[in-house]
Amino acid sequence: MNQNEQILAIQAYCQKLFGKDSTGHDFFHLKRVARLASQIAKQENANTFICVSGAWLHDVGDHKLFDAPARALNDMDKFLTSIQVSKEDIQAIHQAIENISFSKGKIPSSIEGKIIQDADRIDAIGAIGIARTFAYGGAKGRLMYHDVEKQDTSLQHFYDKILHLKDTLHTDAAKKLAEERHAFVEAFIEQFLEEWG
């Protein structure tokens, strides 16, 4: 298989894993992150294949989404080997996606990892990011908001994470993309609180 065929196979693999996700980590999230990662990779002169493959696969093994994260990653490796992705590229994909999660609080060691992390975080900002925040909260049984007990609500998640993402981005291309989305989130919160009364 050539790299284009491998990416198509990776897309199909992700469709099976994430096609029915309702937490905002669905197939279309991966598709958006892959598109953003490709766009940023070209501007940053990074390895586009690793960026796009890693973007599609970055949620595999996430403890929020998988009951057995290590097994999910092992299955991913078997799949990548089956479509003739080289050992070097599999290792590079692992290196790129191992520290993507915001909750880990880590910075990926490779430029490809930084690009995937940037692309993933951009998808958490803006109109889509707002929708994903409430989708995830609903899937986890969280209230949208509460007059008194605000800590474990979807709106609180904006203060805990979403509003900080813009300042954690690594690449100039991502920082430019994030500006308008961040402003949109700020305006949304202001409007939400006004309507809440």
N, C-alpha and C. Protein backbone atom coordinates (compact mmCIF):
# COMPACT_ATOMS: atom_id res chain seq x y z
N MET A 1 0.84 -1.20 0.00
CA MET A 1 0.00 0.00 0.00
C MET A 1 0.87 1.25 0.00
N ASN A 2 0.44 2.25 -0.77
CA ASN A 2 1.14 3.53 -0.67
C ASN A 2 0.52 4.33 0.49
N GLN A 3 1.09 5.50 0.78
CA GLN A 3 0.65 6.25 1.95
C GLN A 3 -0.80 6.74 1.83
N ASN A 4 -1.22 7.12 0.64
CA ASN A 4 -2.62 7.54 0.47
C ASN A 4 -3.58 6.39 0.77
N GLU A 5 -3.23 5.19 0.30
CA GLU A 5 -4.07 4.01 0.57
C GLU A 5 -4.06 3.68 2.06
N GLN A 6 -2.91 3.84 2.70
CA GLN A 6 -2.82 3.58 4.14
C GLN A 6 -3.72 4.55 4.93
N ILE A 7 -3.71 5.81 4.54
CA ILE A 7 -4.56 6.80 5.23
C ILE A 7 -6.04 6.47 5.04
N LEU A 8 -6.43 6.04 3.85
CA LEU A 8 -7.81 5.62 3.62
C LEU A 8 -8.18 4.43 4.51
N ALA A 9 -7.24 3.50 4.67
CA ALA A 9 -7.49 2.34 5.54
C ALA A 9 -7.59 2.78 7.00
N ILE A 10 -6.77 3.73 7.40
CA ILE A 10 -6.82 4.26 8.76
C ILE A 10 -8.17 4.95 9.01
N GLN A 11 -8.65 5.69 8.03
CA GLN A 11 -9.96 6.33 8.15
C GLN A 11 -11.06 5.28 8.39
N ALA A 12 -11.03 4.21 7.61
CA ALA A 12 -12.03 3.15 7.75
C ALA A 12 -11.93 2.49 9.14
N TYR A 13 -10.71 2.30 9.61
CA TYR A 13 -10.48 1.73 10.94
C TYR A 13 -11.09 2.63 12.02
N CYS A 14 -10.88 3.93 11.87
CA CYS A 14 -11.41 4.90 12.84
C CYS A 14 -12.94 4.99 12.77
N GLN A 15 -13.49 4.81 11.58
CA GLN A 15 -14.95 4.81 11.44
C GLN A 15 -15.56 3.68 12.28
N LYS A 16 -14.91 2.52 12.28
CA LYS A 16 -15.41 1.39 13.07
C LYS A 16 -15.29 1.68 14.57
N LEU A 17 -14.19 2.33 14.98
CA LEU A 17 -13.97 2.58 16.40
C LEU A 17 -14.81 3.73 16.95
N PHE A 18 -14.96 4.79 16.16
CA PHE A 18 -15.53 6.03 16.68
C PHE A 18 -16.84 6.45 16.00
N GLY A 19 -17.35 5.63 15.09
CA GLY A 19 -18.52 6.00 14.30
C GLY A 19 -19.77 6.27 15.11
N LYS A 20 -19.88 5.65 16.29
CA LYS A 20 -21.10 5.82 17.10
C LYS A 20 -20.84 6.60 18.38
N ASP A 21 -19.68 7.25 18.47
CA ASP A 21 -19.36 8.03 19.67
C ASP A 21 -20.29 9.23 19.78
N SER A 22 -20.77 9.51 20.99
CA SER A 22 -21.65 10.66 21.21
C SER A 22 -21.05 11.67 22.18
N THR A 23 -19.75 11.56 22.45
CA THR A 23 -19.10 12.44 23.42
C THR A 23 -18.37 13.62 22.77
N GLY A 24 -18.44 13.72 21.44
CA GLY A 24 -17.67 14.76 20.75
C GLY A 24 -16.32 14.27 20.28
N HIS A 25 -16.02 12.98 20.54
CA HIS A 25 -14.78 12.37 20.05
C HIS A 25 -15.11 11.38 18.93
N ASP A 26 -15.97 11.81 18.03
CA ASP A 26 -16.48 10.93 16.99
C ASP A 26 -15.60 10.96 15.73
N PHE A 27 -16.02 10.22 14.73
CA PHE A 27 -15.29 10.14 13.46
C PHE A 27 -15.08 11.52 12.84
N PHE A 28 -16.09 12.38 12.96
CA PHE A 28 -16.00 13.69 12.32
C PHE A 28 -15.04 14.62 13.07
N HIS A 29 -14.90 14.42 14.39
CA HIS A 29 -13.86 15.13 15.14
C HIS A 29 -12.49 14.74 14.59
N LEU A 30 -12.28 13.44 14.40
CA LEU A 30 -10.99 12.97 13.88
C LEU A 30 -10.74 13.52 12.48
N LYS A 31 -11.79 13.57 11.67
CA LYS A 31 -11.67 14.09 10.31
C LYS A 31 -11.26 15.56 10.32
N ARG A 32 -11.86 16.35 11.20
CA ARG A 32 -11.50 17.77 11.30
C ARG A 32 -10.07 17.93 11.79
N VAL A 33 -9.68 17.14 12.79
CA VAL A 33 -8.33 17.24 13.33
C VAL A 33 -7.30 16.84 12.26
N ALA A 34 -7.61 15.81 11.49
CA ALA A 34 -6.71 15.39 10.41
C ALA A 34 -6.55 16.48 9.36
N ARG A 35 -7.67 17.13 9.03
CA ARG A 35 -7.61 18.22 8.03
C ARG A 35 -6.77 19.39 8.56
N LEU A 36 -6.99 19.76 9.81
CA LEU A 36 -6.20 20.84 10.42
C LEU A 36 -4.73 20.46 10.52
N ALA A 37 -4.46 19.22 10.92
CA ALA A 37 -3.07 18.77 11.06
C ALA A 37 -2.35 18.80 9.71
N SER A 38 -3.04 18.41 8.65
CA SER A 38 -2.46 18.45 7.31
C SER A 38 -2.13 19.90 6.91
N GLN A 39 -3.08 20.78 7.19
CA GLN A 39 -2.90 22.20 6.86
C GLN A 39 -1.71 22.80 7.62
N ILE A 40 -1.62 22.52 8.92
CA ILE A 40 -0.53 23.05 9.74
C ILE A 40 0.80 22.42 9.35
N ALA A 41 0.80 21.11 9.08
CA ALA A 41 2.03 20.39 8.73
C ALA A 41 2.69 21.00 7.50
N LYS A 42 1.87 21.36 6.51
CA LYS A 42 2.42 21.96 5.29
C LYS A 42 3.07 23.30 5.58
N GLN A 43 2.47 24.06 6.48
CA GLN A 43 3.03 25.37 6.82
C GLN A 43 4.28 25.26 7.70
N GLU A 44 4.36 24.17 8.46
CA GLU A 44 5.48 23.99 9.39
C GLU A 44 6.56 23.05 8.84
N ASN A 45 6.39 22.60 7.58
CA ASN A 45 7.35 21.68 6.94
C ASN A 45 7.58 20.41 7.76
N ALA A 46 6.50 19.85 8.27
CA ALA A 46 6.58 18.61 9.05
C ALA A 46 6.20 17.42 8.17
N ASN A 47 6.32 16.21 8.73
CA ASN A 47 5.98 14.99 8.01
C ASN A 47 4.45 14.88 7.97
N THR A 48 3.87 15.15 6.81
CA THR A 48 2.41 15.18 6.67
C THR A 48 1.79 13.82 6.92
N PHE A 49 2.43 12.75 6.48
CA PHE A 49 1.86 11.41 6.70
C PHE A 49 1.73 11.11 8.18
N ILE A 50 2.76 11.40 8.95
CA ILE A 50 2.71 11.15 10.40
C ILE A 50 1.67 12.05 11.05
N CYS A 51 1.61 13.30 10.64
CA CYS A 51 0.63 14.24 11.21
C CYS A 51 -0.80 13.78 10.93
N VAL A 52 -1.08 13.41 9.69
CA VAL A 52 -2.45 13.02 9.32
C VAL A 52 -2.81 11.68 9.94
N SER A 53 -1.92 10.70 9.86
CA SER A 53 -2.19 9.39 10.46
C SER A 53 -2.38 9.52 11.97
N GLY A 54 -1.48 10.26 12.61
CA GLY A 54 -1.58 10.46 14.05
C GLY A 54 -2.85 11.21 14.45
N ALA A 55 -3.25 12.17 13.62
CA ALA A 55 -4.48 12.92 13.90
C ALA A 55 -5.69 11.99 13.87
N TRP A 56 -5.73 11.11 12.87
CA TRP A 56 -6.85 10.14 12.82
C TRP A 56 -6.84 9.22 14.03
N LEU A 57 -5.65 8.87 14.52
CA LEU A 57 -5.53 7.83 15.55
C LEU A 57 -5.34 8.39 16.96
N HIS A 58 -5.33 9.71 17.13
CA HIS A 58 -4.90 10.28 18.40
C HIS A 58 -5.79 9.95 19.59
N ASP A 59 -7.04 9.57 19.37
CA ASP A 59 -7.93 9.22 20.49
C ASP A 59 -7.95 7.72 20.79
N VAL A 60 -7.24 6.93 19.99
CA VAL A 60 -7.17 5.49 20.28
C VAL A 60 -6.41 5.30 21.59
N GLY A 61 -7.01 4.57 22.51
CA GLY A 61 -6.37 4.32 23.79
C GLY A 61 -6.62 5.39 24.84
N ASP A 62 -7.43 6.39 24.52
CA ASP A 62 -7.75 7.43 25.50
C ASP A 62 -8.57 6.79 26.62
N HIS A 63 -8.13 6.98 27.86
CA HIS A 63 -8.81 6.34 29.00
C HIS A 63 -10.25 6.80 29.17
N LYS A 64 -10.59 7.98 28.62
CA LYS A 64 -11.98 8.45 28.70
C LYS A 64 -12.89 7.67 27.75
N LEU A 65 -12.30 7.05 26.74
CA LEU A 65 -13.08 6.43 25.67
C LEU A 65 -12.95 4.92 25.59
N PHE A 66 -11.90 4.37 26.19
CA PHE A 66 -11.63 2.94 26.08
C PHE A 66 -11.51 2.32 27.47
N ASP A 67 -12.19 1.19 27.66
CA ASP A 67 -12.10 0.47 28.93
C ASP A 67 -10.72 -0.17 29.12
N ALA A 68 -10.09 -0.56 28.00
CA ALA A 68 -8.77 -1.19 28.06
C ALA A 68 -7.83 -0.44 27.11
N PRO A 69 -7.30 0.72 27.55
CA PRO A 69 -6.47 1.55 26.66
C PRO A 69 -5.25 0.83 26.07
N ALA A 70 -4.55 0.04 26.88
CA ALA A 70 -3.35 -0.65 26.38
C ALA A 70 -3.71 -1.63 25.27
N ARG A 71 -4.82 -2.34 25.45
CA ARG A 71 -5.25 -3.28 24.42
C ARG A 71 -5.63 -2.55 23.13
N ALA A 72 -6.29 -1.40 23.26
CA ALA A 72 -6.67 -0.62 22.09
C ALA A 72 -5.44 -0.18 21.30
N LEU A 73 -4.39 0.24 22.02
CA LEU A 73 -3.15 0.65 21.35
C LEU A 73 -2.44 -0.55 20.71
N ASN A 74 -2.48 -1.69 21.37
CA ASN A 74 -1.89 -2.90 20.81
C ASN A 74 -2.63 -3.32 19.54
N ASP A 75 -3.96 -3.24 19.57
CA ASP A 75 -4.76 -3.56 18.37
C ASP A 75 -4.45 -2.58 17.24
N MET A 76 -4.23 -1.32 17.60
CA MET A 76 -3.88 -0.31 16.58
C MET A 76 -2.56 -0.67 15.91
N ASP A 77 -1.58 -1.09 16.70
CA ASP A 77 -0.28 -1.48 16.14
C ASP A 77 -0.41 -2.66 15.18
N LYS A 78 -1.22 -3.64 15.57
CA LYS A 78 -1.44 -4.80 14.70
C LYS A 78 -2.09 -4.37 13.39
N PHE A 79 -3.07 -3.46 13.50
CA PHE A 79 -3.72 -2.96 12.30
C PHE A 79 -2.73 -2.21 11.41
N LEU A 80 -1.94 -1.32 11.98
CA LEU A 80 -0.98 -0.55 11.17
C LEU A 80 0.04 -1.48 10.49
N THR A 81 0.46 -2.50 11.20
CA THR A 81 1.38 -3.49 10.61
C THR A 81 0.71 -4.21 9.45
N SER A 82 -0.59 -4.51 9.61
CA SER A 82 -1.33 -5.25 8.57
C SER A 82 -1.49 -4.45 7.28
N ILE A 83 -1.41 -3.12 7.37
CA ILE A 83 -1.51 -2.30 6.14
C ILE A 83 -0.14 -1.79 5.70
N GLN A 84 0.89 -2.46 6.19
CA GLN A 84 2.28 -2.23 5.78
C GLN A 84 2.85 -0.86 6.15
N VAL A 85 2.36 -0.28 7.25
CA VAL A 85 3.02 0.92 7.77
C VAL A 85 4.33 0.45 8.40
N SER A 86 5.42 1.13 8.08
CA SER A 86 6.73 0.70 8.56
C SER A 86 6.84 0.81 10.08
N LYS A 87 7.77 0.03 10.65
CA LYS A 87 7.99 0.09 12.10
C LYS A 87 8.41 1.49 12.52
N GLU A 88 9.20 2.14 11.67
CA GLU A 88 9.66 3.50 11.98
C GLU A 88 8.48 4.48 12.03
N ASP A 89 7.57 4.33 11.07
CA ASP A 89 6.40 5.22 11.05
C ASP A 89 5.44 4.92 12.20
N ILE A 90 5.28 3.64 12.55
CA ILE A 90 4.44 3.29 13.69
C ILE A 90 5.02 3.91 14.96
N GLN A 91 6.33 3.83 15.11
CA GLN A 91 6.99 4.42 16.27
C GLN A 91 6.80 5.94 16.28
N ALA A 92 6.92 6.57 15.10
CA ALA A 92 6.74 8.02 15.00
C ALA A 92 5.30 8.43 15.32
N ILE A 93 4.33 7.61 14.90
CA ILE A 93 2.92 7.88 15.22
C ILE A 93 2.71 7.80 16.73
N HIS A 94 3.26 6.76 17.36
CA HIS A 94 3.15 6.63 18.81
C HIS A 94 3.76 7.83 19.52
N GLN A 95 4.95 8.21 19.08
CA GLN A 95 5.63 9.35 19.70
C GLN A 95 4.79 10.62 19.55
N ALA A 96 4.12 10.74 18.40
CA ALA A 96 3.33 11.94 18.13
C ALA A 96 2.05 12.01 18.96
N ILE A 97 1.44 10.85 19.26
CA ILE A 97 0.13 10.88 19.93
C ILE A 97 0.16 10.57 21.42
N GLU A 98 1.32 10.18 21.96
CA GLU A 98 1.32 9.70 23.35
C GLU A 98 1.02 10.79 24.37
N ASN A 99 1.31 12.05 24.07
CA ASN A 99 1.09 13.12 25.04
C ASN A 99 0.16 14.21 24.52
N ILE A 100 -0.83 13.82 23.71
CA ILE A 100 -1.75 14.79 23.11
C ILE A 100 -2.73 15.34 24.14
N SER A 101 -3.22 14.50 25.03
CA SER A 101 -4.32 14.83 25.93
C SER A 101 -4.00 16.03 26.82
N PHE A 102 -4.98 16.92 26.95
CA PHE A 102 -4.85 18.09 27.82
C PHE A 102 -4.65 17.66 29.27
N SER A 103 -5.34 16.59 29.66
CA SER A 103 -5.29 16.14 31.06
C SER A 103 -3.90 15.66 31.47
N LYS A 104 -3.09 15.21 30.51
CA LYS A 104 -1.74 14.77 30.84
C LYS A 104 -0.82 15.95 31.15
N GLY A 105 -1.15 17.11 30.61
CA GLY A 105 -0.36 18.31 30.87
C GLY A 105 1.06 18.25 30.32
N LYS A 106 1.24 17.49 29.24
CA LYS A 106 2.58 17.32 28.66
C LYS A 106 2.66 17.92 27.27
N ILE A 107 3.90 18.19 26.84
CA ILE A 107 4.15 18.69 25.50
C ILE A 107 4.77 17.56 24.68
N PRO A 108 4.20 17.24 23.53
CA PRO A 108 4.79 16.18 22.69
C PRO A 108 6.23 16.52 22.31
N SER A 109 7.05 15.50 22.15
CA SER A 109 8.47 15.73 21.88
C SER A 109 8.77 16.02 20.41
N SER A 110 7.89 15.58 19.50
CA SER A 110 8.15 15.79 18.07
C SER A 110 7.31 16.93 17.53
N ILE A 111 7.75 17.54 16.44
CA ILE A 111 6.97 18.60 15.79
C ILE A 111 5.63 18.05 15.32
N GLU A 112 5.63 16.79 14.86
CA GLU A 112 4.37 16.17 14.43
C GLU A 112 3.39 16.06 15.60
N GLY A 113 3.89 15.68 16.77
CA GLY A 113 3.05 15.60 17.95
C GLY A 113 2.50 16.96 18.35
N LYS A 114 3.34 17.97 18.27
CA LYS A 114 2.89 19.33 18.60
C LYS A 114 1.81 19.80 17.62
N ILE A 115 1.96 19.44 16.37
CA ILE A 115 0.96 19.82 15.35
C ILE A 115 -0.36 19.11 15.62
N ILE A 116 -0.32 17.82 15.93
CA ILE A 116 -1.55 17.08 16.22
C ILE A 116 -2.21 17.64 17.48
N GLN A 117 -1.41 17.94 18.49
CA GLN A 117 -1.97 18.52 19.71
C GLN A 117 -2.62 19.87 19.41
N ASP A 118 -1.96 20.68 18.60
CA ASP A 118 -2.54 21.97 18.20
C ASP A 118 -3.86 21.78 17.46
N ALA A 119 -3.88 20.86 16.51
CA ALA A 119 -5.09 20.62 15.71
C ALA A 119 -6.23 20.12 16.60
N ASP A 120 -5.92 19.23 17.52
CA ASP A 120 -6.93 18.70 18.44
C ASP A 120 -7.49 19.81 19.32
N ARG A 121 -6.62 20.70 19.78
CA ARG A 121 -7.06 21.78 20.66
C ARG A 121 -7.85 22.84 19.90
N ILE A 122 -7.50 23.09 18.67
CA ILE A 122 -8.27 24.04 17.87
C ILE A 122 -9.70 23.53 17.69
N ASP A 123 -9.87 22.21 17.55
CA ASP A 123 -11.22 21.65 17.39
C ASP A 123 -12.03 21.73 18.67
N ALA A 124 -11.38 22.07 19.79
CA ALA A 124 -12.09 22.23 21.05
C ALA A 124 -12.47 23.70 21.29
N ILE A 125 -12.10 24.58 20.37
CA ILE A 125 -12.40 26.00 20.49
C ILE A 125 -13.38 26.38 19.38
N GLY A 126 -14.15 27.44 19.59
CA GLY A 126 -15.07 27.92 18.56
C GLY A 126 -16.42 27.24 18.65
N ALA A 127 -17.22 27.39 17.59
CA ALA A 127 -18.59 26.87 17.58
C ALA A 127 -18.60 25.35 17.75
N ILE A 128 -17.73 24.65 17.04
CA ILE A 128 -17.66 23.19 17.18
C ILE A 128 -17.22 22.82 18.60
N GLY A 129 -16.27 23.54 19.12
CA GLY A 129 -15.79 23.28 20.48
C GLY A 129 -16.89 23.45 21.51
N ILE A 130 -17.72 24.47 21.33
CA ILE A 130 -18.85 24.68 22.24
C ILE A 130 -19.81 23.49 22.15
N ALA A 131 -20.15 23.09 20.93
CA ALA A 131 -21.05 21.95 20.75
C ALA A 131 -20.46 20.68 21.37
N ARG A 132 -19.16 20.46 21.18
CA ARG A 132 -18.52 19.26 21.73
C ARG A 132 -18.52 19.29 23.25
N THR A 133 -18.31 20.45 23.83
CA THR A 133 -18.31 20.56 25.29
C THR A 133 -19.65 20.13 25.88
N PHE A 134 -20.74 20.60 25.27
CA PHE A 134 -22.06 20.24 25.79
C PHE A 134 -22.43 18.79 25.44
N ALA A 135 -21.96 18.30 24.30
CA ALA A 135 -22.19 16.89 23.96
C ALA A 135 -21.50 15.98 24.97
N TYR A 136 -20.24 16.29 25.28
CA TYR A 136 -19.49 15.48 26.25
C TYR A 136 -20.14 15.55 27.63
N GLY A 137 -20.51 16.77 28.04
CA GLY A 137 -21.16 16.92 29.33
C GLY A 137 -22.45 16.13 29.43
N GLY A 138 -23.27 16.20 28.37
CA GLY A 138 -24.52 15.44 28.35
C GLY A 138 -24.28 13.95 28.42
N ALA A 139 -23.28 13.48 27.67
CA ALA A 139 -22.96 12.04 27.67
C ALA A 139 -22.48 11.57 29.05
N LYS A 140 -21.90 12.48 29.82
CA LYS A 140 -21.39 12.13 31.15
C LYS A 140 -22.35 12.52 32.27
N GLY A 141 -23.57 12.97 31.88
CA GLY A 141 -24.58 13.28 32.87
C GLY A 141 -24.38 14.60 33.59
N ARG A 142 -23.63 15.51 33.00
CA ARG A 142 -23.40 16.82 33.63
C ARG A 142 -24.53 17.79 33.30
N LEU A 143 -24.83 18.67 34.26
CA LEU A 143 -25.74 19.78 33.99
C LEU A 143 -25.04 20.79 33.08
N MET A 144 -25.82 21.53 32.29
CA MET A 144 -25.23 22.61 31.51
C MET A 144 -24.59 23.64 32.43
N TYR A 145 -25.35 24.01 33.47
CA TYR A 145 -24.90 25.05 34.40
C TYR A 145 -25.74 24.91 35.66
N HIS A 146 -25.34 25.59 36.72
CA HIS A 146 -26.07 25.54 37.99
C HIS A 146 -25.84 26.88 38.68
N ASP A 147 -26.90 27.43 39.28
CA ASP A 147 -26.77 28.73 39.94
C ASP A 147 -25.78 28.72 41.10
N VAL A 148 -25.69 27.57 41.78
CA VAL A 148 -24.86 27.51 42.99
C VAL A 148 -23.69 26.55 42.81
N GLU A 149 -24.00 25.29 42.50
CA GLU A 149 -22.96 24.26 42.38
C GLU A 149 -22.43 24.22 40.94
N LYS A 150 -21.47 25.05 40.66
CA LYS A 150 -21.01 25.25 39.28
C LYS A 150 -19.85 24.33 38.88
N GLN A 151 -19.20 23.70 39.86
CA GLN A 151 -17.94 23.01 39.58
C GLN A 151 -18.02 21.92 38.51
N ASP A 152 -19.03 21.08 38.58
CA ASP A 152 -19.09 19.95 37.65
C ASP A 152 -20.15 20.16 36.57
N THR A 153 -20.12 21.34 35.95
CA THR A 153 -21.07 21.63 34.87
C THR A 153 -20.32 21.82 33.57
N SER A 154 -21.05 21.74 32.47
CA SER A 154 -20.42 21.96 31.16
C SER A 154 -19.86 23.37 31.03
N LEU A 155 -20.58 24.36 31.55
CA LEU A 155 -20.07 25.72 31.43
C LEU A 155 -18.76 25.90 32.20
N GLN A 156 -18.64 25.24 33.35
CA GLN A 156 -17.40 25.35 34.12
C GLN A 156 -16.21 24.81 33.34
N HIS A 157 -16.47 23.84 32.46
CA HIS A 157 -15.40 23.25 31.65
C HIS A 157 -14.72 24.31 30.77
N PHE A 158 -15.46 25.32 30.36
CA PHE A 158 -14.86 26.40 29.58
C PHE A 158 -13.80 27.13 30.39
N TYR A 159 -14.11 27.37 31.67
CA TYR A 159 -13.16 28.08 32.55
C TYR A 159 -11.98 27.19 32.93
N ASP A 160 -12.25 25.89 33.09
CA ASP A 160 -11.21 24.96 33.51
C ASP A 160 -10.25 24.60 32.39
N LYS A 161 -10.75 24.57 31.15
CA LYS A 161 -9.92 24.08 30.03
C LYS A 161 -10.00 24.94 28.78
N ILE A 162 -11.19 25.10 28.22
CA ILE A 162 -11.33 25.63 26.86
C ILE A 162 -10.71 27.02 26.71
N LEU A 163 -10.93 27.89 27.69
CA LEU A 163 -10.40 29.25 27.59
C LEU A 163 -8.88 29.32 27.73
N HIS A 164 -8.26 28.24 28.15
CA HIS A 164 -6.80 28.20 28.31
C HIS A 164 -6.09 27.64 27.07
N LEU A 165 -6.84 27.00 26.18
CA LEU A 165 -6.21 26.27 25.07
C LEU A 165 -5.41 27.17 24.14
N LYS A 166 -5.91 28.35 23.86
CA LYS A 166 -5.24 29.27 22.92
C LYS A 166 -3.80 29.53 23.34
N ASP A 167 -3.56 29.61 24.65
CA ASP A 167 -2.23 29.94 25.16
C ASP A 167 -1.31 28.72 25.26
N THR A 168 -1.81 27.54 24.89
CA THR A 168 -0.99 26.33 24.96
C THR A 168 -0.52 25.86 23.58
N LEU A 169 -0.91 26.58 22.54
CA LEU A 169 -0.59 26.15 21.18
C LEU A 169 0.89 26.39 20.87
N HIS A 170 1.43 25.54 19.99
CA HIS A 170 2.86 25.56 19.70
C HIS A 170 3.22 26.28 18.40
N THR A 171 2.40 26.09 17.39
CA THR A 171 2.77 26.58 16.05
C THR A 171 2.10 27.90 15.72
N ASP A 172 2.79 28.72 14.93
CA ASP A 172 2.24 30.02 14.52
C ASP A 172 0.94 29.84 13.74
N ALA A 173 0.90 28.81 12.89
CA ALA A 173 -0.30 28.56 12.08
C ALA A 173 -1.50 28.29 12.98
N ALA A 174 -1.30 27.49 14.02
CA ALA A 174 -2.40 27.16 14.94
C ALA A 174 -2.83 28.39 15.74
N LYS A 175 -1.87 29.18 16.17
CA LYS A 175 -2.20 30.37 16.96
C LYS A 175 -3.08 31.33 16.17
N LYS A 176 -2.82 31.46 14.89
CA LYS A 176 -3.65 32.34 14.04
C LYS A 176 -5.07 31.78 13.92
N LEU A 177 -5.17 30.46 13.72
CA LEU A 177 -6.49 29.83 13.59
C LEU A 177 -7.30 29.95 14.87
N ALA A 178 -6.63 29.98 16.01
CA ALA A 178 -7.32 29.95 17.30
C ALA A 178 -7.90 31.30 17.71
N GLU A 179 -7.37 32.38 17.21
CA GLU A 179 -7.76 33.71 17.68
C GLU A 179 -9.26 33.96 17.55
N GLU A 180 -9.79 33.79 16.35
CA GLU A 180 -11.21 34.05 16.11
C GLU A 180 -12.09 33.08 16.90
N ARG A 181 -11.68 31.82 16.96
CA ARG A 181 -12.47 30.82 17.69
C ARG A 181 -12.53 31.15 19.18
N HIS A 182 -11.40 31.57 19.73
CA HIS A 182 -11.35 31.91 21.15
C HIS A 182 -12.29 33.08 21.45
N ALA A 183 -12.26 34.09 20.59
CA ALA A 183 -13.14 35.25 20.78
C ALA A 183 -14.61 34.83 20.71
N PHE A 184 -14.91 33.88 19.84
CA PHE A 184 -16.29 33.38 19.71
C PHE A 184 -16.73 32.71 21.01
N VAL A 185 -15.85 31.92 21.62
CA VAL A 185 -16.18 31.25 22.89
C VAL A 185 -16.44 32.29 23.98
N GLU A 186 -15.59 33.31 24.05
CA GLU A 186 -15.78 34.35 25.06
C GLU A 186 -17.14 35.03 24.89
N ALA A 187 -17.50 35.34 23.64
CA ALA A 187 -18.79 35.99 23.36
C ALA A 187 -19.94 35.05 23.70
N PHE A 188 -19.78 33.76 23.43
CA PHE A 188 -20.83 32.79 23.75
C PHE A 188 -21.08 32.74 25.25
N ILE A 189 -20.01 32.67 26.04
CA ILE A 189 -20.16 32.58 27.49
C ILE A 189 -20.89 33.81 28.03
N GLU A 190 -20.50 34.96 27.53
CA GLU A 190 -21.15 36.21 27.96
C GLU A 190 -22.65 36.17 27.65
N GLN A 191 -22.98 35.73 26.43
CA GLN A 191 -24.39 35.65 26.03
C GLN A 191 -25.13 34.59 26.86
N PHE A 192 -24.50 33.45 27.08
CA PHE A 192 -25.11 32.37 27.86
C PHE A 192 -25.47 32.87 29.26
N LEU A 193 -24.53 33.53 29.92
CA LEU A 193 -24.78 33.99 31.28
C LEU A 193 -25.85 35.08 31.32
N GLU A 194 -25.87 35.90 30.29
CA GLU A 194 -26.91 36.94 30.21
C GLU A 194 -28.29 36.30 30.10
N GLU A 195 -28.39 35.29 29.22
CA GLU A 195 -29.68 34.61 29.03
C GLU A 195 -30.08 33.80 30.26
N TRP A 196 -29.07 33.24 30.95
CA TRP A 196 -29.35 32.45 32.15
C TRP A 196 -29.97 33.33 33.23
N GLY A 197 -29.52 34.57 33.27
CA GLY A 197 -30.11 35.56 34.17
C GLY A 197 -29.60 35.45 35.59
